[in-house]
Amino acid sequence: MRAEYLSYTTDPQLHQLLEVVRRTAPSGALIIEAGCARGGSAILMCSAKSPQRAMRVYDLFEMLPPPSEHDGDDMKARYAEIKGGEAVGLGGEQYYLYDDDLMATVTNNFARFGYPVES
């Protein structure tokens, strides 16, 4: 995930996701990812779950909602940077929300790692 800049999630958070997927395996519970960016965290969870365990990934694949009055100045500044076209993605790549067909990019990322997406 790191080499391909597919996740904004920190390493400790990724390890925690893997642990939760593995620990809850006996339940067979549905795994839900809400907001997948480039798909990295969800792809990693796919690698840890059994093929029989269902997983659903949801995303708008478009601009983030604006910050509210409850968000801090840092979030407001980051949103302005993203909205203004100034944000840079991981590894200096294009910021993921500037991708004109983000859903296709994410779908391709899943397929490249051996997890084809079913609509």
N, C-alpha and C. Protein backbone atom coordinates (compact mmCIF):
# COMPACT_ATOMS: atom_id res chain seq x y z
N MET A 1 0.81 -1.19 0.00
CA MET A 1 0.00 0.00 0.00
C MET A 1 0.87 1.26 0.00
N ARG A 2 1.91 1.24 0.81
CA ARG A 2 2.75 2.44 0.91
C ARG A 2 3.49 2.73 -0.39
N ALA A 3 4.05 1.70 -1.01
CA ALA A 3 4.83 1.90 -2.23
C ALA A 3 3.99 2.49 -3.35
N GLU A 4 2.70 2.23 -3.33
CA GLU A 4 1.81 2.72 -4.38
C GLU A 4 0.95 3.89 -3.92
N TYR A 5 1.19 4.38 -2.72
CA TYR A 5 0.48 5.55 -2.19
C TYR A 5 -1.04 5.37 -2.24
N LEU A 6 -1.49 4.23 -1.75
CA LEU A 6 -2.92 3.92 -1.82
C LEU A 6 -3.69 4.22 -0.54
N SER A 7 -3.01 4.57 0.54
CA SER A 7 -3.74 4.81 1.78
C SER A 7 -3.20 6.01 2.53
N TYR A 8 -4.11 6.83 3.00
CA TYR A 8 -3.77 7.96 3.86
C TYR A 8 -3.77 7.54 5.33
N THR A 9 -4.16 6.31 5.60
CA THR A 9 -4.23 5.78 6.95
C THR A 9 -2.82 5.49 7.46
N THR A 10 -2.57 5.80 8.72
CA THR A 10 -1.24 5.58 9.30
C THR A 10 -0.98 4.08 9.48
N ASP A 11 0.29 3.72 9.60
CA ASP A 11 0.64 2.31 9.81
C ASP A 11 -0.02 1.73 11.06
N PRO A 12 0.01 2.42 12.21
CA PRO A 12 -0.67 1.86 13.39
C PRO A 12 -2.17 1.65 13.15
N GLN A 13 -2.80 2.57 12.43
CA GLN A 13 -4.22 2.42 12.13
C GLN A 13 -4.46 1.24 11.20
N LEU A 14 -3.58 1.05 10.22
CA LEU A 14 -3.72 -0.10 9.31
C LEU A 14 -3.56 -1.41 10.07
N HIS A 15 -2.60 -1.47 10.98
CA HIS A 15 -2.42 -2.67 11.80
C HIS A 15 -3.66 -2.94 12.65
N GLN A 16 -4.24 -1.88 13.17
CA GLN A 16 -5.45 -2.04 13.98
C GLN A 16 -6.61 -2.56 13.12
N LEU A 17 -6.75 -2.05 11.90
CA LEU A 17 -7.79 -2.56 10.99
C LEU A 17 -7.61 -4.05 10.73
N LEU A 18 -6.38 -4.44 10.44
CA LEU A 18 -6.10 -5.86 10.20
C LEU A 18 -6.46 -6.71 11.41
N GLU A 19 -6.11 -6.23 12.58
CA GLU A 19 -6.40 -6.97 13.81
C GLU A 19 -7.91 -7.12 14.01
N VAL A 20 -8.66 -6.07 13.77
CA VAL A 20 -10.12 -6.14 13.93
C VAL A 20 -10.73 -7.11 12.93
N VAL A 21 -10.28 -7.06 11.68
CA VAL A 21 -10.80 -7.99 10.67
C VAL A 21 -10.51 -9.43 11.08
N ARG A 22 -9.31 -9.69 11.54
CA ARG A 22 -8.94 -11.05 11.94
C ARG A 22 -9.67 -11.50 13.20
N ARG A 23 -9.76 -10.59 14.17
CA ARG A 23 -10.41 -10.93 15.45
C ARG A 23 -11.90 -11.21 15.28
N THR A 24 -12.54 -10.51 14.36
CA THR A 24 -13.98 -10.67 14.15
C THR A 24 -14.31 -11.73 13.10
N ALA A 25 -13.31 -12.39 12.56
CA ALA A 25 -13.54 -13.39 11.51
C ALA A 25 -14.56 -14.45 11.90
N PRO A 26 -14.50 -15.00 13.13
CA PRO A 26 -15.47 -16.05 13.48
C PRO A 26 -16.93 -15.60 13.40
N SER A 27 -17.18 -14.30 13.55
CA SER A 27 -18.56 -13.81 13.51
C SER A 27 -19.12 -13.81 12.09
N GLY A 28 -18.23 -13.71 11.11
CA GLY A 28 -18.68 -13.62 9.72
C GLY A 28 -19.38 -12.31 9.41
N ALA A 29 -19.28 -11.34 10.29
CA ALA A 29 -19.98 -10.06 10.13
C ALA A 29 -19.53 -9.33 8.87
N LEU A 30 -20.47 -8.62 8.30
CA LEU A 30 -20.21 -7.78 7.13
C LEU A 30 -19.18 -6.71 7.50
N ILE A 31 -18.21 -6.49 6.62
CA ILE A 31 -17.22 -5.42 6.79
C ILE A 31 -17.66 -4.26 5.91
N ILE A 32 -17.68 -3.06 6.48
CA ILE A 32 -18.07 -1.87 5.73
C ILE A 32 -16.95 -0.85 5.80
N GLU A 33 -16.58 -0.32 4.63
CA GLU A 33 -15.62 0.80 4.53
C GLU A 33 -16.42 1.98 4.00
N ALA A 34 -16.48 3.06 4.76
CA ALA A 34 -17.22 4.24 4.34
C ALA A 34 -16.23 5.36 4.06
N GLY A 35 -16.00 5.62 2.78
CA GLY A 35 -15.01 6.59 2.35
C GLY A 35 -13.69 5.91 2.13
N CYS A 36 -13.37 5.60 0.89
CA CYS A 36 -12.21 4.73 0.63
C CYS A 36 -11.02 5.44 -0.01
N ALA A 37 -11.13 6.74 -0.33
CA ALA A 37 -10.03 7.46 -1.00
C ALA A 37 -9.55 6.67 -2.22
N ARG A 38 -8.33 6.14 -2.17
CA ARG A 38 -7.79 5.38 -3.31
C ARG A 38 -7.95 3.87 -3.13
N GLY A 39 -8.54 3.45 -2.01
CA GLY A 39 -8.86 2.04 -1.82
C GLY A 39 -7.89 1.24 -0.97
N GLY A 40 -6.79 1.84 -0.55
CA GLY A 40 -5.74 1.09 0.14
C GLY A 40 -6.16 0.36 1.39
N SER A 41 -6.85 1.04 2.30
CA SER A 41 -7.27 0.40 3.54
C SER A 41 -8.24 -0.74 3.27
N ALA A 42 -9.17 -0.51 2.35
CA ALA A 42 -10.15 -1.55 2.01
C ALA A 42 -9.48 -2.75 1.35
N ILE A 43 -8.50 -2.50 0.50
CA ILE A 43 -7.77 -3.60 -0.14
C ILE A 43 -7.03 -4.41 0.92
N LEU A 44 -6.43 -3.72 1.87
CA LEU A 44 -5.73 -4.41 2.95
C LEU A 44 -6.70 -5.27 3.77
N MET A 45 -7.89 -4.75 4.04
CA MET A 45 -8.89 -5.54 4.77
C MET A 45 -9.32 -6.75 3.95
N CYS A 46 -9.42 -6.60 2.64
CA CYS A 46 -9.75 -7.75 1.77
C CYS A 46 -8.70 -8.84 1.92
N SER A 47 -7.45 -8.44 2.06
CA SER A 47 -6.38 -9.43 2.18
C SER A 47 -6.45 -10.21 3.49
N ALA A 48 -7.11 -9.64 4.49
CA ALA A 48 -7.17 -10.28 5.81
C ALA A 48 -8.45 -11.07 6.04
N LYS A 49 -9.45 -10.87 5.20
CA LYS A 49 -10.72 -11.56 5.41
C LYS A 49 -10.80 -12.81 4.54
N SER A 50 -11.69 -13.70 4.88
CA SER A 50 -11.89 -14.89 4.05
C SER A 50 -12.67 -14.49 2.80
N PRO A 51 -12.50 -15.22 1.71
CA PRO A 51 -13.25 -14.90 0.48
C PRO A 51 -14.77 -14.97 0.69
N GLN A 52 -15.22 -15.74 1.66
CA GLN A 52 -16.65 -15.88 1.90
C GLN A 52 -17.24 -14.71 2.70
N ARG A 53 -16.40 -13.98 3.38
CA ARG A 53 -16.90 -12.88 4.22
C ARG A 53 -17.22 -11.67 3.36
N ALA A 54 -18.42 -11.17 3.49
CA ALA A 54 -18.87 -10.04 2.67
C ALA A 54 -18.23 -8.74 3.12
N MET A 55 -17.99 -7.88 2.14
CA MET A 55 -17.45 -6.55 2.41
C MET A 55 -18.10 -5.58 1.44
N ARG A 56 -18.47 -4.40 1.94
CA ARG A 56 -19.05 -3.35 1.11
C ARG A 56 -18.21 -2.10 1.29
N VAL A 57 -17.94 -1.43 0.17
CA VAL A 57 -17.16 -0.20 0.19
C VAL A 57 -18.03 0.91 -0.40
N TYR A 58 -18.17 1.99 0.35
CA TYR A 58 -19.00 3.11 -0.07
C TYR A 58 -18.16 4.38 -0.15
N ASP A 59 -18.41 5.16 -1.18
CA ASP A 59 -17.74 6.45 -1.34
C ASP A 59 -18.54 7.27 -2.33
N LEU A 60 -18.48 8.58 -2.20
CA LEU A 60 -19.14 9.47 -3.16
C LEU A 60 -18.30 9.65 -4.42
N PHE A 61 -16.98 9.44 -4.29
CA PHE A 61 -16.04 9.63 -5.39
C PHE A 61 -16.12 11.05 -5.96
N GLU A 62 -16.29 11.99 -5.08
CA GLU A 62 -16.30 13.40 -5.48
C GLU A 62 -15.82 14.25 -4.32
N MET A 63 -15.87 15.55 -4.47
CA MET A 63 -15.33 16.48 -3.49
C MET A 63 -15.89 16.23 -2.09
N LEU A 64 -15.05 16.45 -1.10
CA LEU A 64 -15.45 16.32 0.29
C LEU A 64 -16.46 17.41 0.65
N PRO A 65 -17.32 17.16 1.63
CA PRO A 65 -18.22 18.22 2.07
C PRO A 65 -17.42 19.31 2.78
N PRO A 66 -17.91 20.54 2.73
CA PRO A 66 -17.17 21.62 3.38
C PRO A 66 -17.16 21.44 4.90
N PRO A 67 -16.15 21.99 5.54
CA PRO A 67 -16.09 21.89 7.00
C PRO A 67 -17.25 22.67 7.63
N SER A 68 -17.59 22.27 8.84
CA SER A 68 -18.65 22.95 9.58
C SER A 68 -18.04 23.92 10.58
N GLU A 69 -18.91 24.59 11.31
CA GLU A 69 -18.43 25.51 12.35
C GLU A 69 -17.74 24.76 13.49
N HIS A 70 -17.92 23.44 13.55
CA HIS A 70 -17.28 22.63 14.59
C HIS A 70 -15.85 22.23 14.23
N ASP A 71 -15.47 22.40 12.96
CA ASP A 71 -14.12 22.05 12.52
C ASP A 71 -13.16 23.17 12.84
N GLY A 72 -11.92 22.79 13.09
CA GLY A 72 -10.89 23.77 13.42
C GLY A 72 -10.37 24.51 12.19
N ASP A 73 -9.55 25.52 12.45
CA ASP A 73 -8.97 26.31 11.37
C ASP A 73 -8.11 25.46 10.44
N ASP A 74 -7.44 24.43 11.00
CA ASP A 74 -6.60 23.57 10.17
C ASP A 74 -7.43 22.83 9.13
N MET A 75 -8.60 22.35 9.53
CA MET A 75 -9.48 21.64 8.59
C MET A 75 -10.03 22.59 7.54
N LYS A 76 -10.34 23.80 7.95
CA LYS A 76 -10.87 24.80 7.02
C LYS A 76 -9.80 25.19 6.00
N ALA A 77 -8.57 25.33 6.46
CA ALA A 77 -7.46 25.66 5.55
C ALA A 77 -7.20 24.51 4.59
N ARG A 78 -7.24 23.29 5.08
CA ARG A 78 -7.02 22.12 4.22
C ARG A 78 -8.12 22.01 3.16
N TYR A 79 -9.35 22.25 3.56
CA TYR A 79 -10.45 22.20 2.60
C TYR A 79 -10.26 23.27 1.52
N ALA A 80 -9.87 24.47 1.91
CA ALA A 80 -9.64 25.54 0.94
C ALA A 80 -8.53 25.16 -0.03
N GLU A 81 -7.48 24.52 0.48
CA GLU A 81 -6.38 24.06 -0.36
C GLU A 81 -6.87 23.02 -1.37
N ILE A 82 -7.65 22.05 -0.90
CA ILE A 82 -8.17 21.01 -1.78
C ILE A 82 -9.12 21.62 -2.81
N LYS A 83 -10.06 22.41 -2.35
CA LYS A 83 -11.06 23.03 -3.23
C LYS A 83 -10.40 23.94 -4.26
N GLY A 84 -9.31 24.59 -3.88
CA GLY A 84 -8.61 25.50 -4.77
C GLY A 84 -7.67 24.82 -5.75
N GLY A 85 -7.60 23.49 -5.71
CA GLY A 85 -6.74 22.76 -6.64
C GLY A 85 -5.28 22.76 -6.26
N GLU A 86 -4.97 23.10 -5.02
CA GLU A 86 -3.59 23.22 -4.57
C GLU A 86 -3.05 21.99 -3.84
N ALA A 87 -3.91 21.04 -3.52
CA ALA A 87 -3.48 19.88 -2.74
C ALA A 87 -2.61 18.95 -3.58
N VAL A 88 -1.65 18.34 -2.93
CA VAL A 88 -0.76 17.36 -3.57
C VAL A 88 -1.01 16.02 -2.90
N GLY A 89 -1.07 14.97 -3.69
CA GLY A 89 -1.32 13.63 -3.17
C GLY A 89 -0.09 13.01 -2.53
N LEU A 90 -0.28 11.83 -2.00
CA LEU A 90 0.81 11.07 -1.40
C LEU A 90 1.93 10.85 -2.41
N GLY A 91 3.16 10.96 -1.97
CA GLY A 91 4.30 10.74 -2.84
C GLY A 91 4.44 11.77 -3.95
N GLY A 92 3.77 12.93 -3.78
CA GLY A 92 3.83 13.97 -4.79
C GLY A 92 2.93 13.73 -5.99
N GLU A 93 2.14 12.67 -5.92
CA GLU A 93 1.22 12.37 -7.03
C GLU A 93 0.02 13.31 -7.00
N GLN A 94 -0.79 13.23 -8.03
CA GLN A 94 -2.01 14.02 -8.10
C GLN A 94 -2.89 13.68 -6.89
N TYR A 95 -3.48 14.69 -6.28
CA TYR A 95 -4.38 14.46 -5.16
C TYR A 95 -5.58 13.66 -5.66
N TYR A 96 -5.96 12.64 -4.91
CA TYR A 96 -6.95 11.67 -5.40
C TYR A 96 -8.28 12.29 -5.78
N LEU A 97 -8.72 13.34 -5.13
CA LEU A 97 -10.01 13.94 -5.47
C LEU A 97 -9.98 14.73 -6.77
N TYR A 98 -8.80 14.91 -7.34
CA TYR A 98 -8.71 15.58 -8.64
C TYR A 98 -8.81 14.59 -9.80
N ASP A 99 -8.92 13.32 -9.50
CA ASP A 99 -9.05 12.26 -10.50
C ASP A 99 -10.45 12.35 -11.11
N ASP A 100 -10.52 12.52 -12.42
CA ASP A 100 -11.81 12.66 -13.11
C ASP A 100 -12.65 11.40 -13.08
N ASP A 101 -12.03 10.25 -12.88
CA ASP A 101 -12.78 8.99 -12.80
C ASP A 101 -12.25 8.17 -11.63
N LEU A 102 -12.40 8.73 -10.44
CA LEU A 102 -11.86 8.11 -9.23
C LEU A 102 -12.43 6.71 -9.01
N MET A 103 -13.70 6.52 -9.30
CA MET A 103 -14.29 5.20 -9.09
C MET A 103 -13.59 4.15 -9.95
N ALA A 104 -13.28 4.49 -11.20
CA ALA A 104 -12.56 3.55 -12.08
C ALA A 104 -11.15 3.30 -11.55
N THR A 105 -10.49 4.33 -11.05
CA THR A 105 -9.15 4.17 -10.49
C THR A 105 -9.18 3.23 -9.30
N VAL A 106 -10.13 3.43 -8.40
CA VAL A 106 -10.24 2.58 -7.21
C VAL A 106 -10.59 1.15 -7.62
N THR A 107 -11.51 1.00 -8.56
CA THR A 107 -11.88 -0.33 -9.05
C THR A 107 -10.66 -1.04 -9.63
N ASN A 108 -9.86 -0.32 -10.40
CA ASN A 108 -8.64 -0.89 -10.97
C ASN A 108 -7.63 -1.25 -9.89
N ASN A 109 -7.52 -0.42 -8.85
CA ASN A 109 -6.61 -0.73 -7.74
C ASN A 109 -7.01 -2.04 -7.07
N PHE A 110 -8.29 -2.22 -6.83
CA PHE A 110 -8.76 -3.49 -6.24
C PHE A 110 -8.40 -4.66 -7.15
N ALA A 111 -8.66 -4.53 -8.43
CA ALA A 111 -8.40 -5.63 -9.38
C ALA A 111 -6.92 -5.96 -9.45
N ARG A 112 -6.05 -4.94 -9.43
CA ARG A 112 -4.61 -5.18 -9.50
C ARG A 112 -4.11 -6.01 -8.32
N PHE A 113 -4.78 -5.89 -7.18
CA PHE A 113 -4.39 -6.65 -6.00
C PHE A 113 -5.16 -7.96 -5.87
N GLY A 114 -5.93 -8.30 -6.89
CA GLY A 114 -6.62 -9.59 -6.90
C GLY A 114 -7.99 -9.60 -6.27
N TYR A 115 -8.60 -8.42 -6.14
CA TYR A 115 -9.93 -8.32 -5.54
C TYR A 115 -10.86 -7.57 -6.48
N PRO A 116 -11.32 -8.24 -7.54
CA PRO A 116 -12.21 -7.55 -8.48
C PRO A 116 -13.49 -7.07 -7.79
N VAL A 117 -13.94 -5.91 -8.20
CA VAL A 117 -15.11 -5.28 -7.59
C VAL A 117 -16.38 -5.78 -8.27
N GLU A 118 -17.35 -6.12 -7.44
CA GLU A 118 -18.68 -6.46 -7.95
C GLU A 118 -19.59 -5.27 -7.66
N SER A 119 -20.31 -4.82 -8.65
CA SER A 119 -21.20 -3.66 -8.45
C SER A 119 -22.45 -4.06 -7.71
